Amino acid sequence: MLDWAKNKFNQGRETLLSEVSRYKGKDFMQGCVAVGTYIAFADGVVSAQEKQKLIKYFEISDTLKVFSTEEVIAEFQKLSGKFDFDLDIGRSECLKTIGKLRKKPEEARAAVRLGVMIAKSDATFNEDEKRALLEVCNELGLKPEEFF
């Protein structure tokens, strides 16, 4: 069972790596950051440590090195500020940004795979994160069972 999970994770990671290198557009970067932010705020609150961890992930991730770290951090902070002001506004802004990938199915799939990786980065995949990923998949017109 553990080997199956590892293989599935590695398979998703490899697919993500190859897809991200092909999509260097700003909408894709913003969509990835929006998915990450949406997942980070899934339970309604993100601690300072969680914010730093997510930002650090984008800084060191091989899959996102094609994007400027400053741009990624600025986008995350912009979206985080919306959540800090009002959770519903934050969710709405993230989904609006994520929705830009709807007509780009390969980019949308790569962004969802990134969201799954972020959700599992702390070795748990809780119900709030699953619900948030379901909402992201619905926004993108994708089937959740394709990813988790």
C-alpha atoms as a PDB file:
ATOM      1  CA  MET A   1       0.000   0.000   0.000  1.00  0.00           C
ATOM      2  CA  LEU A   2       2.808   2.404   0.918  1.00  0.00           C
ATOM      3  CA  ASP A   3       4.688   1.517  -2.278  1.00  0.00           C
ATOM      4  CA  TRP A   4       1.552   2.219  -4.297  1.00  0.00           C
ATOM      5  CA  ALA A   5       1.184   5.640  -2.658  1.00  0.00           C
ATOM      6  CA  LYS A   6       4.860   6.446  -3.238  1.00  0.00           C
ATOM      7  CA  ASN A   7       4.618   5.384  -6.869  1.00  0.00           C
ATOM      8  CA  LYS A   8       1.451   7.440  -7.382  1.00  0.00           C
ATOM      9  CA  PHE A   9       3.085  10.489  -5.740  1.00  0.00           C
ATOM     10  CA  ASN A  10       6.277  10.107  -7.800  1.00  0.00           C
ATOM     11  CA  GLN A  11       4.277   9.601 -10.980  1.00  0.00           C
ATOM     12  CA  GLY A  12       2.306  12.792 -10.275  1.00  0.00           C
ATOM     13  CA  ARG A  13       5.503  14.657  -9.425  1.00  0.00           C
ATOM     14  CA  GLU A  14       7.190  13.577 -12.670  1.00  0.00           C
ATOM     15  CA  THR A  15       4.147  14.560 -14.698  1.00  0.00           C
ATOM     16  CA  LEU A  16       4.032  17.909 -12.918  1.00  0.00           C
ATOM     17  CA  LEU A  17       7.729  18.555 -13.549  1.00  0.00           C
ATOM     18  CA  SER A  18       7.382  17.988 -17.260  1.00  0.00           C
ATOM     19  CA  GLU A  19       4.191  20.039 -17.549  1.00  0.00           C
ATOM     20  CA  VAL A  20       5.423  23.046 -15.592  1.00  0.00           C
ATOM     21  CA  SER A  21       8.493  23.461 -17.743  1.00  0.00           C
ATOM     22  CA  ARG A  22       6.216  23.908 -20.756  1.00  0.00           C
ATOM     23  CA  TYR A  23       3.962  26.561 -19.266  1.00  0.00           C
ATOM     24  CA  LYS A  24       5.807  29.700 -18.343  1.00  0.00           C
ATOM     25  CA  GLY A  25       2.903  32.088 -18.784  1.00  0.00           C
ATOM     26  CA  LYS A  26       1.804  34.512 -16.111  1.00  0.00           C
ATOM     27  CA  ASP A  27      -1.714  33.060 -15.897  1.00  0.00           C
ATOM     28  CA  PHE A  28      -0.170  29.689 -15.112  1.00  0.00           C
ATOM     29  CA  MET A  29       2.069  31.070 -12.361  1.00  0.00           C
ATOM     30  CA  GLN A  30      -0.838  33.021 -10.878  1.00  0.00           C
ATOM     31  CA  GLY A  31      -3.093  29.969 -11.101  1.00  0.00           C
ATOM     32  CA  CYS A  32      -0.522  27.806  -9.317  1.00  0.00           C
ATOM     33  CA  VAL A  33      -0.084  30.396  -6.570  1.00  0.00           C
ATOM     34  CA  ALA A  34      -3.866  30.741  -6.254  1.00  0.00           C
ATOM     35  CA  VAL A  35      -4.273  26.969  -5.888  1.00  0.00           C
ATOM     36  CA  GLY A  36      -1.514  26.887  -3.274  1.00  0.00           C
ATOM     37  CA  THR A  37      -3.027  29.789  -1.376  1.00  0.00           C
ATOM     38  CA  TYR A  38      -6.516  28.297  -1.572  1.00  0.00           C
ATOM     39  CA  ILE A  39      -5.254  25.002  -0.152  1.00  0.00           C
ATOM     40  CA  ALA A  40      -3.203  26.738   2.557  1.00  0.00           C
ATOM     41  CA  PHE A  41      -6.299  28.618   3.745  1.00  0.00           C
ATOM     42  CA  ALA A  42      -8.567  25.550   3.449  1.00  0.00           C
ATOM     43  CA  ASP A  43      -9.207  25.361   7.187  1.00  0.00           C
ATOM     44  CA  GLY A  44      -9.880  29.101   7.438  1.00  0.00           C
ATOM     45  CA  VAL A  45      -6.625  30.129   9.092  1.00  0.00           C
ATOM     46  CA  VAL A  46      -2.987  29.941   8.056  1.00  0.00           C
ATOM     47  CA  SER A  47      -0.354  30.436  10.724  1.00  0.00           C
ATOM     48  CA  ALA A  48       2.751  32.495  10.048  1.00  0.00           C
ATOM     49  CA  GLN A  49       4.703  29.237   9.857  1.00  0.00           C
ATOM     50  CA  GLU A  50       2.315  27.829   7.224  1.00  0.00           C
ATOM     51  CA  LYS A  51       2.595  30.979   5.118  1.00  0.00           C
ATOM     52  CA  GLN A  52       6.372  30.864   5.328  1.00  0.00           C
ATOM     53  CA  LYS A  53       6.375  27.169   4.460  1.00  0.00           C
ATOM     54  CA  LEU A  54       4.225  27.731   1.380  1.00  0.00           C
ATOM     55  CA  ILE A  55       6.312  30.678   0.200  1.00  0.00           C
ATOM     56  CA  LYS A  56       9.487  28.676   0.805  1.00  0.00           C
ATOM     57  CA  TYR A  57       8.031  25.806  -1.208  1.00  0.00           C
ATOM     58  CA  PHE A  58       7.605  28.105  -4.195  1.00  0.00           C
ATOM     59  CA  GLU A  59      11.128  29.465  -3.716  1.00  0.00           C
ATOM     60  CA  ILE A  60      12.842  26.068  -3.676  1.00  0.00           C
ATOM     61  CA  SER A  61      10.554  23.961  -5.822  1.00  0.00           C
ATOM     62  CA  ASP A  62      12.250  22.697  -8.965  1.00  0.00           C
ATOM     63  CA  THR A  63       8.891  22.861 -10.692  1.00  0.00           C
ATOM     64  CA  LEU A  64       8.497  26.601 -10.154  1.00  0.00           C
ATOM     65  CA  LYS A  65      12.047  27.812 -10.718  1.00  0.00           C
ATOM     66  CA  VAL A  66      11.011  29.046 -14.156  1.00  0.00           C
ATOM     67  CA  PHE A  67       9.124  31.846 -12.379  1.00  0.00           C
ATOM     68  CA  SER A  68      10.559  34.822 -10.509  1.00  0.00           C
ATOM     69  CA  THR A  69      10.474  34.214  -6.753  1.00  0.00           C
ATOM     70  CA  GLU A  70       9.564  37.858  -6.223  1.00  0.00           C
ATOM     71  CA  GLU A  71       6.540  37.529  -8.491  1.00  0.00           C
ATOM     72  CA  VAL A  72       5.400  34.354  -6.758  1.00  0.00           C
ATOM     73  CA  ILE A  73       5.758  35.898  -3.289  1.00  0.00           C
ATOM     74  CA  ALA A  74       3.972  39.082  -4.372  1.00  0.00           C
ATOM     75  CA  GLU A  75       1.082  37.053  -5.812  1.00  0.00           C
ATOM     76  CA  PHE A  76       0.845  34.916  -2.669  1.00  0.00           C
ATOM     77  CA  GLN A  77       0.873  38.001  -0.445  1.00  0.00           C
ATOM     78  CA  LYS A  78      -1.786  39.691  -2.578  1.00  0.00           C
ATOM     79  CA  LEU A  79      -4.094  36.677  -2.300  1.00  0.00           C
ATOM     80  CA  SER A  80      -3.282  36.116   1.381  1.00  0.00           C
ATOM     81  CA  GLY A  81      -4.260  39.715   2.070  1.00  0.00           C
ATOM     82  CA  LYS A  82      -7.684  39.037   0.586  1.00  0.00           C
ATOM     83  CA  PHE A  83      -8.114  36.042   2.932  1.00  0.00           C
ATOM     84  CA  ASP A  84      -6.892  38.084   5.882  1.00  0.00           C
ATOM     85  CA  PHE A  85      -9.510  40.718   5.083  1.00  0.00           C
ATOM     86  CA  ASP A  86     -12.355  38.260   4.493  1.00  0.00           C
ATOM     87  CA  LEU A  87     -12.311  34.498   3.911  1.00  0.00           C
ATOM     88  CA  ASP A  88     -15.075  34.619   1.301  1.00  0.00           C
ATOM     89  CA  ILE A  89     -13.330  37.385  -0.641  1.00  0.00           C
ATOM     90  CA  GLY A  90     -10.081  35.409  -0.513  1.00  0.00           C
ATOM     91  CA  ARG A  91     -11.783  32.274  -1.777  1.00  0.00           C
ATOM     92  CA  SER A  92     -13.566  34.191  -4.514  1.00  0.00           C
ATOM     93  CA  GLU A  93     -10.369  35.913  -5.708  1.00  0.00           C
ATOM     94  CA  CYS A  94      -8.451  32.626  -5.752  1.00  0.00           C
ATOM     95  CA  LEU A  95     -11.172  30.837  -7.681  1.00  0.00           C
ATOM     96  CA  LYS A  96     -11.358  33.716 -10.163  1.00  0.00           C
ATOM     97  CA  THR A  97      -7.614  33.440 -10.781  1.00  0.00           C
ATOM     98  CA  ILE A  98      -7.744  29.639 -10.896  1.00  0.00           C
ATOM     99  CA  GLY A  99     -10.629  29.865 -13.383  1.00  0.00           C
ATOM    100  CA  LYS A 100      -8.301  31.478 -15.942  1.00  0.00           C
ATOM    101  CA  LEU A 101      -6.797  28.023 -16.422  1.00  0.00           C
ATOM    102  CA  ARG A 102     -10.135  26.395 -17.265  1.00  0.00           C
ATOM    103  CA  LYS A 103      -9.591  26.684 -21.014  1.00  0.00           C
ATOM    104  CA  LYS A 104      -6.039  25.353 -20.656  1.00  0.00           C
ATOM    105  CA  PRO A 105      -6.615  21.789 -19.445  1.00  0.00           C
ATOM    106  CA  GLU A 106      -2.966  20.736 -19.265  1.00  0.00           C
ATOM    107  CA  GLU A 107      -2.070  23.796 -17.199  1.00  0.00           C
ATOM    108  CA  ALA A 108      -5.150  23.259 -15.032  1.00  0.00           C
ATOM    109  CA  ARG A 109      -4.123  19.668 -14.357  1.00  0.00           C
ATOM    110  CA  ALA A 110      -0.588  20.730 -13.449  1.00  0.00           C
ATOM    111  CA  ALA A 111      -1.953  23.346 -11.022  1.00  0.00           C
ATOM    112  CA  VAL A 112      -4.222  20.767  -9.349  1.00  0.00           C
ATOM    113  CA  ARG A 113      -1.296  18.341  -9.039  1.00  0.00           C
ATOM    114  CA  LEU A 114       0.663  21.102  -7.346  1.00  0.00           C
ATOM    115  CA  GLY A 115      -2.279  21.677  -4.987  1.00  0.00           C
ATOM    116  CA  VAL A 116      -2.319  17.981  -4.102  1.00  0.00           C
ATOM    117  CA  MET A 117       1.412  18.081  -3.401  1.00  0.00           C
ATOM    118  CA  ILE A 118       0.970  21.100  -1.134  1.00  0.00           C
ATOM    119  CA  ALA A 119      -1.969  19.463   0.640  1.00  0.00           C
ATOM    120  CA  LYS A 120       0.139  16.369   1.313  1.00  0.00           C
ATOM    121  CA  SER A 121       3.341  18.251   2.164  1.00  0.00           C
ATOM    122  CA  ASP A 122       2.714  17.908   5.915  1.00  0.00           C
ATOM    123  CA  ALA A 123       2.030  14.160   5.543  1.00  0.00           C
ATOM    124  CA  THR A 124      -1.713  14.654   6.058  1.00  0.00           C
ATOM    125  CA  PHE A 125      -4.517  15.185   3.595  1.00  0.00           C
ATOM    126  CA  ASN A 126      -7.394  16.423   5.742  1.00  0.00           C
ATOM    127  CA  GLU A 127     -11.043  16.897   4.863  1.00  0.00           C
ATOM    128  CA  ASP A 128     -10.722  20.693   4.525  1.00  0.00           C
ATOM    129  CA  GLU A 129      -7.914  20.255   1.996  1.00  0.00           C
ATOM    130  CA  LYS A 130      -9.905  17.611   0.099  1.00  0.00           C
ATOM    131  CA  ARG A 131     -12.942  19.906   0.019  1.00  0.00           C
ATOM    132  CA  ALA A 132     -10.791  22.781  -1.250  1.00  0.00           C
ATOM    133  CA  LEU A 133      -9.290  20.584  -3.970  1.00  0.00           C
ATOM    134  CA  LEU A 134     -12.787  19.440  -4.969  1.00  0.00           C
ATOM    135  CA  GLU A 135     -13.781  23.097  -5.341  1.00  0.00           C
ATOM    136  CA  VAL A 136     -10.658  23.796  -7.414  1.00  0.00           C
ATOM    137  CA  CYS A 137     -11.420  20.811  -9.653  1.00  0.00           C
ATOM    138  CA  ASN A 138     -15.024  21.981 -10.062  1.00  0.00           C
ATOM    139  CA  GLU A 139     -13.830  25.472 -10.976  1.00  0.00           C
ATOM    140  CA  LEU A 140     -11.560  23.978 -13.620  1.00  0.00           C
ATOM    141  CA  GLY A 141     -14.080  21.435 -14.914  1.00  0.00           C
ATOM    142  CA  LEU A 142     -11.807  18.530 -13.934  1.00  0.00           C
ATOM    143  CA  LYS A 143     -12.686  15.219 -12.309  1.00  0.00           C
ATOM    144  CA  PRO A 144     -11.217  14.995  -8.764  1.00  0.00           C
ATOM    145  CA  GLU A 145     -10.694  11.230  -9.018  1.00  0.00           C
ATOM    146  CA  GLU A 146      -8.038  11.978 -11.630  1.00  0.00           C
ATOM    147  CA  PHE A 147      -5.870  13.433  -8.855  1.00  0.00           C
ATOM    148  CA  PHE A 148      -6.815  11.867  -5.499  1.00  0.00           C
END
